[in-house]
C-alpha cells in the first residue's frame, strides 16, 4: 500500500511508449492481485480476521495501482493526476474502514479469529506477492513508475509475513489482539500512503494549471 508511492510514481505514471513485456507483466500482476483480494476478503470475514481484511485491502490497492499504470500510460498529466487522486482517496477511505472495523471488534469483544485460516491464507498470499515481485524484479531499475510497482509487491510480501505472525499470536494467546494490532498497522499505512498520493496528485494538478506547457501534455 504505502510502498506503492515510495518514489512518487502514483501521480506521475511514465511516458507515451509502453513496453509490451512491461504491459504483459502488469496484466499478470493485476489478475493475481484482484484474485487474491477476492479470496482474502472472503476469508477475512469467514475467519473474523481484521488482519486478513487489511491484507485484502493491500491486494485491492495493488490491483488498482497496476490498473492505473495500464490505463493511463502515455496519457497527459491531467488524466494521470485525477486517477491518482481517486486512488489516494479510496485508500484513505478503505483504511479508515479497516481501523473502524477492527476497533469495533476490539471494543465489543468480538470472536477470536481462526488462526489456522489466517496462517494458511497468509501463506498463499505471501506466495502470490513473492511471485509477482520476482516477475517484476527485472524492472526494478526502470523509471519511477516501474520501481514503484516492484517495491509495492516487495513490501506487500512483508505485510503477508506480518499476517502470519498475527496468526501465530492469535494461536499463542487465544485472543484477538494480535490480529487487531496488525490490522491497525496495515490500515494506518494505507491511510498515510493514500494521503501521500493525494498530496502529489494535487501538486501535479497545481503544476498543470500554473504551466501552459505542462497543461498541454
N, C-alpha and C. Protein backbone atom coordinates (compact mmCIF):
# COMPACT_ATOMS: atom_id res chain seq x y z
N UNK A 1 0.82 -1.20 0.00
CA UNK A 1 0.00 0.00 0.00
C UNK A 1 0.86 1.26 0.00
N UNK A 2 1.37 1.60 1.25
CA UNK A 2 2.18 2.81 1.28
C UNK A 2 3.40 2.68 0.40
N UNK A 3 3.92 1.47 0.29
CA UNK A 3 5.10 1.26 -0.53
C UNK A 3 4.86 1.56 -1.99
N UNK A 4 3.63 1.60 -2.42
CA UNK A 4 3.34 1.88 -3.82
C UNK A 4 3.80 3.26 -4.22
N UNK A 5 3.99 4.15 -3.27
CA UNK A 5 4.30 5.54 -3.61
C UNK A 5 5.64 5.99 -3.08
N UNK A 6 6.53 5.07 -2.82
CA UNK A 6 7.82 5.45 -2.28
C UNK A 6 8.58 6.36 -3.22
N UNK A 7 8.36 6.26 -4.49
CA UNK A 7 9.10 7.08 -5.46
C UNK A 7 8.19 8.07 -6.18
N UNK A 8 7.09 8.46 -5.49
CA UNK A 8 6.18 9.47 -6.04
C UNK A 8 5.65 9.09 -7.41
N UNK A 9 5.52 7.79 -7.66
CA UNK A 9 5.16 7.38 -9.02
C UNK A 9 3.67 7.32 -9.24
N UNK A 10 2.90 7.24 -8.14
CA UNK A 10 1.48 7.05 -8.33
C UNK A 10 0.84 8.24 -9.03
N UNK A 11 1.42 9.40 -8.88
CA UNK A 11 0.85 10.58 -9.51
C UNK A 11 1.58 10.98 -10.77
N UNK A 12 2.54 10.16 -11.18
CA UNK A 12 3.31 10.54 -12.37
C UNK A 12 3.68 9.33 -13.21
N UNK A 13 2.68 8.61 -13.66
CA UNK A 13 2.90 7.42 -14.46
C UNK A 13 3.65 7.78 -15.72
N UNK A 14 4.60 6.92 -16.07
CA UNK A 14 5.52 7.28 -17.14
C UNK A 14 4.92 7.14 -18.52
N UNK A 15 5.65 7.66 -19.43
CA UNK A 15 5.54 8.09 -20.79
C UNK A 15 4.69 7.41 -21.79
N UNK A 16 4.87 7.85 -22.99
CA UNK A 16 3.95 7.55 -24.07
C UNK A 16 4.15 6.17 -24.66
N UNK A 17 5.39 5.69 -24.73
CA UNK A 17 5.65 4.39 -25.33
C UNK A 17 5.67 3.33 -24.24
N UNK A 18 4.84 2.31 -24.39
CA UNK A 18 4.69 1.28 -23.36
C UNK A 18 5.33 -0.01 -23.85
N UNK A 19 6.30 -0.51 -23.11
CA UNK A 19 6.96 -1.78 -23.41
C UNK A 19 5.94 -2.91 -23.32
N UNK A 20 5.77 -3.72 -24.38
CA UNK A 20 4.77 -4.80 -24.34
C UNK A 20 5.06 -5.84 -23.26
N UNK A 21 6.34 -6.06 -22.94
CA UNK A 21 6.67 -7.02 -21.87
C UNK A 21 6.24 -6.45 -20.52
N UNK A 22 6.46 -5.16 -20.33
CA UNK A 22 6.03 -4.48 -19.11
C UNK A 22 4.51 -4.52 -18.99
N UNK A 23 3.82 -4.25 -20.09
CA UNK A 23 2.36 -4.28 -20.07
C UNK A 23 1.84 -5.67 -19.72
N UNK A 24 2.46 -6.70 -20.31
CA UNK A 24 2.04 -8.08 -20.03
C UNK A 24 2.27 -8.43 -18.55
N UNK A 25 3.41 -7.99 -18.01
CA UNK A 25 3.70 -8.24 -16.59
C UNK A 25 2.66 -7.56 -15.70
N UNK A 26 2.27 -6.34 -16.06
CA UNK A 26 1.27 -5.63 -15.28
C UNK A 26 -0.07 -6.35 -15.31
N UNK A 27 -0.43 -6.90 -16.48
CA UNK A 27 -1.69 -7.63 -16.57
C UNK A 27 -1.68 -8.86 -15.66
N UNK A 28 -0.57 -9.60 -15.68
CA UNK A 28 -0.46 -10.77 -14.80
C UNK A 28 -0.57 -10.35 -13.34
N UNK A 29 0.16 -9.30 -12.97
CA UNK A 29 0.12 -8.81 -11.60
C UNK A 29 -1.28 -8.35 -11.22
N UNK A 30 -1.97 -7.69 -12.14
CA UNK A 30 -3.33 -7.22 -11.88
C UNK A 30 -4.27 -8.39 -11.60
N UNK A 31 -4.20 -9.43 -12.44
CA UNK A 31 -5.09 -10.59 -12.26
C UNK A 31 -4.80 -11.30 -10.93
N UNK A 32 -3.51 -11.49 -10.62
CA UNK A 32 -3.13 -12.17 -9.37
C UNK A 32 -3.64 -11.38 -8.17
N UNK A 33 -3.43 -10.07 -8.17
CA UNK A 33 -3.84 -9.27 -7.02
C UNK A 33 -5.35 -9.15 -6.89
N UNK A 34 -6.06 -9.04 -8.00
CA UNK A 34 -7.52 -8.98 -7.94
C UNK A 34 -8.09 -10.30 -7.43
N UNK A 35 -7.49 -11.42 -7.86
CA UNK A 35 -7.95 -12.73 -7.40
C UNK A 35 -7.70 -12.90 -5.90
N UNK A 36 -6.50 -12.50 -5.45
CA UNK A 36 -6.18 -12.63 -4.04
C UNK A 36 -7.02 -11.69 -3.18
N UNK A 37 -7.37 -10.52 -3.71
CA UNK A 37 -8.25 -9.62 -2.98
C UNK A 37 -9.59 -10.30 -2.70
N UNK A 38 -10.16 -10.89 -3.75
CA UNK A 38 -11.46 -11.56 -3.58
C UNK A 38 -11.35 -12.71 -2.58
N UNK A 39 -10.28 -13.50 -2.68
CA UNK A 39 -10.12 -14.65 -1.79
C UNK A 39 -9.91 -14.20 -0.35
N UNK A 40 -9.07 -13.18 -0.16
CA UNK A 40 -8.76 -12.76 1.21
C UNK A 40 -9.91 -12.02 1.89
N UNK A 41 -10.68 -11.26 1.14
CA UNK A 41 -11.78 -10.55 1.78
C UNK A 41 -12.83 -11.53 2.26
N UNK A 42 -13.06 -12.60 1.48
CA UNK A 42 -14.00 -13.64 1.90
C UNK A 42 -13.44 -14.38 3.12
N UNK A 43 -12.16 -14.76 3.05
CA UNK A 43 -11.53 -15.48 4.16
C UNK A 43 -11.48 -14.61 5.41
N UNK A 44 -11.24 -13.31 5.23
CA UNK A 44 -11.17 -12.40 6.37
C UNK A 44 -12.46 -12.35 7.15
N UNK A 45 -13.58 -12.27 6.44
CA UNK A 45 -14.88 -12.26 7.12
C UNK A 45 -15.21 -13.64 7.70
N UNK A 46 -14.87 -14.69 6.96
CA UNK A 46 -15.17 -16.05 7.45
C UNK A 46 -14.37 -16.38 8.70
N UNK A 47 -13.12 -15.90 8.77
CA UNK A 47 -12.25 -16.20 9.91
C UNK A 47 -12.32 -15.13 11.00
N UNK A 48 -13.16 -14.09 10.79
CA UNK A 48 -13.26 -12.97 11.73
C UNK A 48 -11.91 -12.31 11.96
N UNK A 49 -11.14 -12.15 10.87
CA UNK A 49 -9.79 -11.61 10.98
C UNK A 49 -9.69 -10.23 10.33
N UNK A 50 -9.43 -9.22 11.16
CA UNK A 50 -9.23 -7.87 10.63
C UNK A 50 -7.92 -7.77 9.87
N UNK A 51 -6.91 -8.56 10.29
CA UNK A 51 -5.62 -8.53 9.60
C UNK A 51 -5.76 -9.04 8.17
N UNK A 52 -6.53 -10.11 7.98
CA UNK A 52 -6.77 -10.61 6.63
C UNK A 52 -7.54 -9.59 5.80
N UNK A 53 -8.50 -8.92 6.42
CA UNK A 53 -9.24 -7.90 5.70
C UNK A 53 -8.32 -6.75 5.28
N UNK A 54 -7.40 -6.38 6.18
CA UNK A 54 -6.44 -5.32 5.85
C UNK A 54 -5.50 -5.77 4.73
N UNK A 55 -5.11 -7.04 4.75
CA UNK A 55 -4.24 -7.55 3.70
C UNK A 55 -5.00 -7.62 2.37
N UNK A 56 -6.29 -7.93 2.44
CA UNK A 56 -7.11 -7.91 1.24
C UNK A 56 -7.15 -6.50 0.66
N UNK A 57 -7.24 -5.50 1.56
CA UNK A 57 -7.19 -4.10 1.12
C UNK A 57 -5.88 -3.82 0.40
N UNK A 58 -4.80 -4.42 0.90
CA UNK A 58 -3.49 -4.26 0.26
C UNK A 58 -3.53 -4.79 -1.18
N UNK A 59 -4.12 -5.97 -1.37
CA UNK A 59 -4.23 -6.53 -2.71
C UNK A 59 -5.10 -5.64 -3.61
N UNK A 60 -6.16 -5.09 -3.03
CA UNK A 60 -7.03 -4.19 -3.80
C UNK A 60 -6.25 -2.97 -4.25
N UNK A 61 -5.45 -2.40 -3.32
CA UNK A 61 -4.66 -1.22 -3.65
C UNK A 61 -3.67 -1.52 -4.75
N UNK A 62 -3.05 -2.69 -4.68
CA UNK A 62 -2.09 -3.06 -5.71
C UNK A 62 -2.75 -3.26 -7.06
N UNK A 63 -3.91 -3.95 -7.05
CA UNK A 63 -4.63 -4.15 -8.30
C UNK A 63 -4.99 -2.80 -8.92
N UNK A 64 -5.41 -1.86 -8.07
CA UNK A 64 -5.72 -0.52 -8.56
C UNK A 64 -4.48 0.17 -9.12
N UNK A 65 -3.35 -0.03 -8.44
CA UNK A 65 -2.09 0.57 -8.90
C UNK A 65 -1.71 0.05 -10.28
N UNK A 66 -1.80 -1.27 -10.47
CA UNK A 66 -1.46 -1.86 -11.76
C UNK A 66 -2.45 -1.42 -12.83
N UNK A 67 -3.74 -1.36 -12.48
CA UNK A 67 -4.75 -0.94 -13.44
C UNK A 67 -4.51 0.50 -13.89
N UNK A 68 -4.14 1.36 -12.93
CA UNK A 68 -3.86 2.75 -13.27
C UNK A 68 -2.64 2.84 -14.18
N UNK A 69 -1.59 2.08 -13.85
CA UNK A 69 -0.39 2.10 -14.69
C UNK A 69 -0.71 1.67 -16.12
N UNK A 70 -1.62 0.69 -16.25
CA UNK A 70 -2.01 0.22 -17.58
C UNK A 70 -2.89 1.23 -18.31
N UNK A 71 -3.83 1.83 -17.58
CA UNK A 71 -4.84 2.64 -18.26
C UNK A 71 -4.37 4.04 -18.62
N UNK A 72 -3.43 4.60 -17.84
CA UNK A 72 -3.05 5.99 -18.10
C UNK A 72 -1.66 6.13 -18.73
N UNK A 73 -1.02 5.01 -19.00
CA UNK A 73 0.30 5.09 -19.63
C UNK A 73 0.18 5.84 -20.95
N UNK A 74 1.01 6.85 -21.13
CA UNK A 74 1.01 7.63 -22.36
C UNK A 74 0.01 8.78 -22.37
N UNK A 75 -0.83 8.88 -21.34
CA UNK A 75 -1.80 9.97 -21.28
C UNK A 75 -1.17 11.19 -20.64
N UNK A 76 -1.87 12.33 -20.73
CA UNK A 76 -1.36 13.58 -20.20
C UNK A 76 -1.42 13.65 -18.69
N UNK A 77 -0.76 14.67 -18.14
CA UNK A 77 -0.68 14.85 -16.70
C UNK A 77 -2.05 15.04 -16.07
N UNK A 78 -2.97 15.68 -16.76
CA UNK A 78 -4.30 15.94 -16.20
C UNK A 78 -5.01 14.64 -15.86
N UNK A 79 -4.98 13.69 -16.78
CA UNK A 79 -5.64 12.39 -16.56
C UNK A 79 -4.93 11.62 -15.46
N UNK A 80 -3.59 11.60 -15.52
CA UNK A 80 -2.82 10.84 -14.53
C UNK A 80 -3.04 11.37 -13.12
N UNK A 81 -3.09 12.68 -12.97
CA UNK A 81 -3.26 13.26 -11.64
C UNK A 81 -4.66 13.00 -11.09
N UNK A 82 -5.68 13.03 -11.95
CA UNK A 82 -7.04 12.76 -11.48
C UNK A 82 -7.22 11.31 -11.05
N UNK A 83 -6.64 10.38 -11.83
CA UNK A 83 -6.77 8.97 -11.45
C UNK A 83 -5.99 8.69 -10.16
N UNK A 84 -4.85 9.34 -10.00
CA UNK A 84 -4.08 9.17 -8.77
C UNK A 84 -4.85 9.72 -7.57
N UNK A 85 -5.50 10.86 -7.75
CA UNK A 85 -6.30 11.45 -6.67
C UNK A 85 -7.41 10.50 -6.25
N UNK A 86 -8.09 9.90 -7.23
CA UNK A 86 -9.16 8.94 -6.92
C UNK A 86 -8.62 7.76 -6.13
N UNK A 87 -7.47 7.23 -6.57
CA UNK A 87 -6.88 6.10 -5.88
C UNK A 87 -6.50 6.46 -4.45
N UNK A 88 -5.91 7.64 -4.25
CA UNK A 88 -5.50 8.05 -2.92
C UNK A 88 -6.68 8.18 -1.97
N UNK A 89 -7.75 8.82 -2.44
CA UNK A 89 -8.94 8.96 -1.61
C UNK A 89 -9.56 7.61 -1.27
N UNK A 90 -9.54 6.69 -2.24
CA UNK A 90 -10.08 5.36 -2.00
C UNK A 90 -9.28 4.62 -0.93
N UNK A 91 -7.95 4.73 -0.99
CA UNK A 91 -7.10 4.09 0.01
C UNK A 91 -7.38 4.65 1.40
N UNK A 92 -7.56 5.96 1.50
CA UNK A 92 -7.84 6.58 2.80
C UNK A 92 -9.16 6.06 3.36
N UNK A 93 -10.19 6.01 2.54
CA UNK A 93 -11.50 5.55 2.99
C UNK A 93 -11.48 4.08 3.40
N UNK A 94 -10.83 3.24 2.60
CA UNK A 94 -10.77 1.82 2.93
C UNK A 94 -9.92 1.58 4.18
N UNK A 95 -8.82 2.31 4.32
CA UNK A 95 -8.01 2.18 5.52
C UNK A 95 -8.78 2.58 6.77
N UNK A 96 -9.54 3.67 6.67
CA UNK A 96 -10.36 4.12 7.80
C UNK A 96 -11.42 3.07 8.14
N UNK A 97 -11.97 2.43 7.11
CA UNK A 97 -12.98 1.38 7.36
C UNK A 97 -12.36 0.20 8.12
N UNK A 98 -11.15 -0.21 7.73
CA UNK A 98 -10.49 -1.33 8.41
C UNK A 98 -10.21 -0.97 9.87
N UNK A 99 -9.71 0.24 10.13
CA UNK A 99 -9.44 0.66 11.50
C UNK A 99 -10.73 0.70 12.32
N UNK A 100 -11.79 1.23 11.72
CA UNK A 100 -13.07 1.28 12.42
C UNK A 100 -13.61 -0.10 12.72
N UNK A 101 -13.48 -0.99 11.73
CA UNK A 101 -13.97 -2.37 11.92
C UNK A 101 -13.18 -3.09 13.00
N UNK A 102 -11.84 -2.95 12.96
CA UNK A 102 -11.00 -3.61 13.96
C UNK A 102 -11.26 -3.03 15.35
N UNK A 103 -11.39 -1.70 15.42
CA UNK A 103 -11.67 -1.06 16.71
C UNK A 103 -13.01 -1.48 17.28
N UNK A 104 -13.99 -1.61 16.42
CA UNK A 104 -15.32 -2.05 16.86
C UNK A 104 -15.27 -3.47 17.42
N UNK A 105 -14.55 -4.35 16.72
CA UNK A 105 -14.43 -5.73 17.19
C UNK A 105 -13.73 -5.80 18.53
N UNK A 106 -12.66 -4.98 18.68
CA UNK A 106 -11.92 -4.98 19.94
C UNK A 106 -12.77 -4.45 21.08
N UNK A 107 -13.50 -3.35 20.82
CA UNK A 107 -14.32 -2.73 21.87
C UNK A 107 -15.49 -3.62 22.28
N UNK A 108 -16.05 -4.33 21.31
CA UNK A 108 -17.23 -5.15 21.59
C UNK A 108 -16.86 -6.58 21.98
N UNK A 109 -15.55 -6.87 22.04
CA UNK A 109 -15.14 -8.23 22.42
C UNK A 109 -15.55 -9.26 21.38
N UNK A 110 -15.19 -9.00 20.13
CA UNK A 110 -15.57 -9.89 19.04
C UNK A 110 -14.94 -11.27 19.16
N UNK A 111 -15.35 -12.13 18.27
CA UNK A 111 -14.85 -13.51 18.29
C UNK A 111 -13.36 -13.55 17.99
N UNK A 112 -12.67 -14.51 18.62
CA UNK A 112 -11.24 -14.70 18.34
C UNK A 112 -11.08 -15.24 16.93
N UNK A 113 -10.23 -14.61 16.13
CA UNK A 113 -10.04 -15.07 14.74
C UNK A 113 -9.56 -16.52 14.68
N UNK A 114 -9.81 -17.17 13.56
CA UNK A 114 -9.36 -18.54 13.35
C UNK A 114 -7.92 -18.50 12.85
N UNK A 115 -7.00 -18.82 13.77
CA UNK A 115 -5.57 -18.70 13.47
C UNK A 115 -5.14 -19.58 12.31
N UNK A 116 -5.73 -20.79 12.20
CA UNK A 116 -5.31 -21.70 11.13
C UNK A 116 -5.67 -21.13 9.76
N UNK A 117 -6.85 -20.54 9.64
CA UNK A 117 -7.26 -19.92 8.37
C UNK A 117 -6.36 -18.74 8.06
N UNK A 118 -6.06 -17.91 9.06
CA UNK A 118 -5.18 -16.77 8.86
C UNK A 118 -3.81 -17.21 8.35
N UNK A 119 -3.27 -18.26 8.98
CA UNK A 119 -1.94 -18.73 8.59
C UNK A 119 -1.90 -19.28 7.19
N UNK A 120 -2.89 -20.09 6.83
CA UNK A 120 -2.92 -20.71 5.50
C UNK A 120 -3.11 -19.66 4.42
N UNK A 121 -4.10 -18.77 4.62
CA UNK A 121 -4.36 -17.74 3.62
C UNK A 121 -3.18 -16.77 3.52
N UNK A 122 -2.59 -16.43 4.68
CA UNK A 122 -1.43 -15.56 4.67
C UNK A 122 -0.26 -16.17 3.92
N UNK A 123 -0.09 -17.49 4.04
CA UNK A 123 1.00 -18.17 3.33
C UNK A 123 0.79 -18.12 1.83
N UNK A 124 -0.44 -18.39 1.37
CA UNK A 124 -0.71 -18.34 -0.07
C UNK A 124 -0.62 -16.90 -0.60
N UNK A 125 -1.01 -15.94 0.24
CA UNK A 125 -0.85 -14.54 -0.16
C UNK A 125 0.62 -14.19 -0.31
N UNK A 126 1.45 -14.72 0.59
CA UNK A 126 2.89 -14.49 0.50
C UNK A 126 3.45 -15.07 -0.79
N UNK A 127 3.01 -16.28 -1.15
CA UNK A 127 3.45 -16.89 -2.40
C UNK A 127 3.05 -16.03 -3.60
N UNK A 128 1.82 -15.52 -3.57
CA UNK A 128 1.33 -14.69 -4.69
C UNK A 128 2.17 -13.42 -4.83
N UNK A 129 2.40 -12.73 -3.71
CA UNK A 129 3.17 -11.48 -3.77
C UNK A 129 4.63 -11.73 -4.11
N UNK A 130 5.19 -12.81 -3.57
CA UNK A 130 6.59 -13.12 -3.90
C UNK A 130 6.73 -13.44 -5.38
N UNK A 131 5.75 -14.16 -5.95
CA UNK A 131 5.79 -14.48 -7.37
C UNK A 131 5.71 -13.24 -8.23
N UNK A 132 4.82 -12.31 -7.86
CA UNK A 132 4.70 -11.06 -8.61
C UNK A 132 5.97 -10.24 -8.49
N UNK A 133 6.54 -10.18 -7.27
CA UNK A 133 7.77 -9.41 -7.07
C UNK A 133 8.92 -9.96 -7.90
N UNK A 134 9.02 -11.29 -7.97
CA UNK A 134 10.07 -11.90 -8.79
C UNK A 134 9.85 -11.60 -10.28
N UNK A 135 8.59 -11.63 -10.72
CA UNK A 135 8.29 -11.34 -12.11
C UNK A 135 8.66 -9.90 -12.47
N UNK A 136 8.45 -8.98 -11.51
CA UNK A 136 8.73 -7.56 -11.76
C UNK A 136 10.15 -7.16 -11.41
N UNK A 137 10.95 -8.09 -10.90
CA UNK A 137 12.30 -7.79 -10.46
C UNK A 137 13.15 -7.18 -11.58
N UNK A 138 12.95 -7.64 -12.79
CA UNK A 138 13.74 -7.16 -13.93
C UNK A 138 13.51 -5.68 -14.21
N UNK A 139 12.37 -5.14 -13.72
CA UNK A 139 12.03 -3.75 -13.99
C UNK A 139 12.41 -2.81 -12.84
N UNK A 140 13.10 -3.34 -11.81
CA UNK A 140 13.33 -2.56 -10.61
C UNK A 140 14.21 -1.34 -10.85
N UNK A 141 15.00 -1.34 -11.93
CA UNK A 141 15.87 -0.21 -12.21
C UNK A 141 15.33 0.68 -13.35
N UNK A 142 14.04 0.53 -13.64
CA UNK A 142 13.44 1.35 -14.68
C UNK A 142 13.06 2.72 -14.15
N UNK A 143 12.06 3.35 -14.78
CA UNK A 143 11.65 4.68 -14.33
C UNK A 143 10.94 4.59 -12.98
N UNK A 144 10.51 5.74 -12.48
CA UNK A 144 9.91 5.79 -11.15
C UNK A 144 8.67 4.91 -11.04
N UNK A 145 7.86 4.89 -12.10
CA UNK A 145 6.64 4.08 -12.07
C UNK A 145 6.98 2.61 -11.94
N UNK A 146 7.96 2.14 -12.69
CA UNK A 146 8.33 0.72 -12.65
C UNK A 146 8.93 0.34 -11.31
N UNK A 147 9.80 1.20 -10.79
CA UNK A 147 10.38 0.93 -9.47
C UNK A 147 9.30 0.88 -8.41
N UNK A 148 8.34 1.78 -8.51
CA UNK A 148 7.26 1.84 -7.54
C UNK A 148 6.45 0.55 -7.51
N UNK A 149 6.11 0.05 -8.70
CA UNK A 149 5.30 -1.16 -8.79
C UNK A 149 6.04 -2.35 -8.19
N UNK A 150 7.35 -2.44 -8.47
CA UNK A 150 8.12 -3.56 -7.92
C UNK A 150 8.23 -3.45 -6.40
N UNK A 151 8.54 -2.25 -5.90
CA UNK A 151 8.67 -2.04 -4.46
C UNK A 151 7.34 -2.33 -3.76
N UNK A 152 6.24 -1.99 -4.43
CA UNK A 152 4.90 -2.25 -3.89
C UNK A 152 4.73 -3.73 -3.60
N UNK A 153 5.06 -4.58 -4.56
CA UNK A 153 4.91 -6.03 -4.39
C UNK A 153 5.89 -6.57 -3.34
N UNK A 154 7.10 -6.05 -3.36
CA UNK A 154 8.10 -6.49 -2.37
C UNK A 154 7.64 -6.18 -0.95
N UNK A 155 7.15 -4.95 -0.73
CA UNK A 155 6.70 -4.57 0.60
C UNK A 155 5.46 -5.34 1.02
N UNK A 156 4.61 -5.68 0.06
CA UNK A 156 3.41 -6.44 0.40
C UNK A 156 3.75 -7.83 0.91
N UNK A 157 4.82 -8.42 0.38
CA UNK A 157 5.25 -9.72 0.88
C UNK A 157 5.60 -9.61 2.36
N UNK A 158 6.18 -8.49 2.75
CA UNK A 158 6.49 -8.26 4.17
C UNK A 158 5.19 -8.18 4.97
N UNK A 159 4.17 -7.53 4.40
CA UNK A 159 2.87 -7.47 5.06
C UNK A 159 2.25 -8.84 5.25
N UNK A 160 2.44 -9.73 4.27
CA UNK A 160 1.92 -11.09 4.41
C UNK A 160 2.59 -11.83 5.56
N UNK A 161 3.89 -11.59 5.73
CA UNK A 161 4.60 -12.18 6.87
C UNK A 161 4.00 -11.67 8.18
N UNK A 162 3.63 -10.38 8.22
CA UNK A 162 3.00 -9.82 9.41
C UNK A 162 1.68 -10.51 9.72
N UNK A 163 0.91 -10.83 8.69
CA UNK A 163 -0.36 -11.54 8.90
C UNK A 163 -0.10 -12.92 9.50
N UNK A 164 0.92 -13.60 8.98
CA UNK A 164 1.25 -14.93 9.51
C UNK A 164 1.73 -14.84 10.96
N UNK A 165 2.49 -13.79 11.29
CA UNK A 165 2.89 -13.59 12.69
C UNK A 165 1.68 -13.29 13.57
N UNK A 166 0.71 -12.55 13.02
CA UNK A 166 -0.52 -12.29 13.76
C UNK A 166 -1.26 -13.59 14.04
N UNK A 167 -1.25 -14.50 13.04
CA UNK A 167 -1.90 -15.80 13.23
C UNK A 167 -1.23 -16.57 14.37
N UNK A 168 0.11 -16.52 14.40
CA UNK A 168 0.82 -17.18 15.50
C UNK A 168 0.47 -16.53 16.83
N UNK A 169 0.36 -15.22 16.84
CA UNK A 169 0.00 -14.51 18.06
C UNK A 169 -1.38 -14.88 18.55
N UNK A 170 -2.34 -14.97 17.63
CA UNK A 170 -3.70 -15.37 18.00
C UNK A 170 -3.71 -16.79 18.54
N UNK A 171 -2.96 -17.66 17.87
CA UNK A 171 -2.88 -19.06 18.31
C UNK A 171 -2.25 -19.17 19.70
N UNK A 172 -1.19 -18.39 19.93
CA UNK A 172 -0.48 -18.48 21.20
C UNK A 172 -1.21 -17.85 22.36
N UNK A 173 -1.92 -16.73 22.11
CA UNK A 173 -2.59 -16.02 23.20
C UNK A 173 -4.06 -16.38 23.34
N UNK A 174 -4.65 -16.90 22.26
CA UNK A 174 -6.07 -17.21 22.30
C UNK A 174 -6.95 -15.97 22.34
N UNK A 175 -6.38 -14.82 21.92
CA UNK A 175 -7.14 -13.56 21.90
C UNK A 175 -7.09 -12.95 20.50
N UNK A 176 -7.90 -11.92 20.32
CA UNK A 176 -7.94 -11.26 19.01
C UNK A 176 -6.94 -10.11 18.90
N UNK A 177 -6.23 -9.78 19.98
CA UNK A 177 -5.40 -8.58 19.98
C UNK A 177 -4.26 -8.59 18.96
N UNK A 178 -3.54 -9.70 18.77
CA UNK A 178 -2.51 -9.66 17.72
C UNK A 178 -3.09 -9.35 16.34
N UNK A 179 -4.27 -9.88 16.06
CA UNK A 179 -4.95 -9.63 14.78
C UNK A 179 -5.32 -8.17 14.65
N UNK A 180 -5.88 -7.60 15.71
CA UNK A 180 -6.30 -6.20 15.69
C UNK A 180 -5.10 -5.27 15.53
N UNK A 181 -4.00 -5.57 16.22
CA UNK A 181 -2.81 -4.72 16.14
C UNK A 181 -2.23 -4.71 14.73
N UNK A 182 -2.10 -5.89 14.12
CA UNK A 182 -1.55 -5.95 12.76
C UNK A 182 -2.49 -5.25 11.77
N UNK A 183 -3.80 -5.45 11.94
CA UNK A 183 -4.77 -4.78 11.06
C UNK A 183 -4.65 -3.27 11.18
N UNK A 184 -4.49 -2.77 12.42
CA UNK A 184 -4.37 -1.34 12.63
C UNK A 184 -3.13 -0.76 11.97
N UNK A 185 -2.00 -1.48 12.09
CA UNK A 185 -0.76 -1.02 11.48
C UNK A 185 -0.88 -0.97 9.96
N UNK A 186 -1.43 -2.04 9.38
CA UNK A 186 -1.55 -2.10 7.92
C UNK A 186 -2.52 -1.05 7.40
N UNK A 187 -3.62 -0.84 8.14
CA UNK A 187 -4.60 0.17 7.72
C UNK A 187 -4.02 1.57 7.85
N UNK A 188 -3.22 1.81 8.90
CA UNK A 188 -2.58 3.12 9.06
C UNK A 188 -1.63 3.40 7.90
N UNK A 189 -0.90 2.37 7.47
CA UNK A 189 -0.03 2.53 6.31
C UNK A 189 -0.83 2.85 5.05
N UNK A 190 -2.02 2.23 4.94
CA UNK A 190 -2.89 2.52 3.80
C UNK A 190 -3.31 3.98 3.80
N UNK A 191 -3.66 4.50 4.97
CA UNK A 191 -4.11 5.88 5.06
C UNK A 191 -2.97 6.85 4.75
N UNK A 192 -1.80 6.60 5.34
CA UNK A 192 -0.66 7.50 5.07
C UNK A 192 -0.23 7.42 3.62
N UNK A 193 -0.26 6.21 3.04
CA UNK A 193 0.07 6.07 1.62
C UNK A 193 -0.94 6.79 0.75
N UNK A 194 -2.23 6.66 1.10
CA UNK A 194 -3.26 7.35 0.34
C UNK A 194 -3.12 8.86 0.42
N UNK A 195 -2.77 9.35 1.62
CA UNK A 195 -2.58 10.79 1.77
C UNK A 195 -1.40 11.29 0.95
N UNK A 196 -0.34 10.47 0.90
CA UNK A 196 0.82 10.83 0.08
C UNK A 196 0.43 10.94 -1.39
N UNK A 197 -0.40 9.99 -1.87
CA UNK A 197 -0.86 10.02 -3.26
C UNK A 197 -1.69 11.28 -3.51
N UNK A 198 -2.59 11.60 -2.58
CA UNK A 198 -3.45 12.78 -2.74
C UNK A 198 -2.61 14.05 -2.83
N UNK A 199 -1.61 14.17 -1.95
CA UNK A 199 -0.77 15.37 -1.97
C UNK A 199 -0.03 15.53 -3.29
N UNK A 200 0.52 14.43 -3.79
CA UNK A 200 1.27 14.51 -5.05
C UNK A 200 0.33 14.75 -6.24
N UNK A 201 -0.87 14.17 -6.17
CA UNK A 201 -1.84 14.40 -7.24
C UNK A 201 -2.25 15.87 -7.28
N UNK A 202 -2.53 16.44 -6.11
CA UNK A 202 -2.91 17.85 -6.05
C UNK A 202 -1.77 18.75 -6.50
N UNK A 203 -0.53 18.36 -6.16
CA UNK A 203 0.64 19.13 -6.60
C UNK A 203 0.75 19.10 -8.12
N UNK A 204 0.51 17.93 -8.73
CA UNK A 204 0.55 17.83 -10.19
C UNK A 204 -0.54 18.67 -10.83
N UNK A 205 -1.72 18.69 -10.19
CA UNK A 205 -2.81 19.50 -10.73
C UNK A 205 -2.46 20.98 -10.70
N UNK A 206 -1.84 21.42 -9.59
CA UNK A 206 -1.43 22.83 -9.50
C UNK A 206 -0.36 23.15 -10.53
N UNK A 207 0.57 22.21 -10.74
CA UNK A 207 1.62 22.41 -11.74
C UNK A 207 1.01 22.55 -13.13
N UNK A 208 0.02 21.70 -13.42
CA UNK A 208 -0.62 21.74 -14.74
C UNK A 208 -1.32 23.08 -14.98
N UNK A 209 -1.98 23.59 -13.91
CA UNK A 209 -2.71 24.85 -14.05
C UNK A 209 -1.75 26.05 -14.16
N UNK A 210 -0.59 25.92 -13.48
CA UNK A 210 0.34 27.04 -13.46
C UNK A 210 1.22 27.11 -14.70
N UNK A 211 1.40 25.98 -15.40
CA UNK A 211 2.31 25.96 -16.54
C UNK A 211 1.58 25.61 -17.82
N UNK A 212 1.51 26.52 -18.77
CA UNK A 212 0.85 26.23 -20.06
C UNK A 212 1.49 25.06 -20.76
N UNK A 213 2.80 24.90 -20.62
CA UNK A 213 3.49 23.78 -21.31
C UNK A 213 3.06 22.46 -20.76
N UNK A 214 2.99 22.35 -19.39
CA UNK A 214 2.56 21.12 -18.77
C UNK A 214 1.09 20.87 -19.04
N UNK A 215 0.27 21.93 -19.04
CA UNK A 215 -1.15 21.77 -19.27
C UNK A 215 -1.44 21.20 -20.64
N UNK A 216 -0.54 21.42 -21.57
CA UNK A 216 -0.75 20.94 -22.93
C UNK A 216 -0.41 19.48 -23.11
N UNK A 217 0.17 18.83 -22.07
CA UNK A 217 0.55 17.41 -22.22
C UNK A 217 -0.65 16.53 -22.45
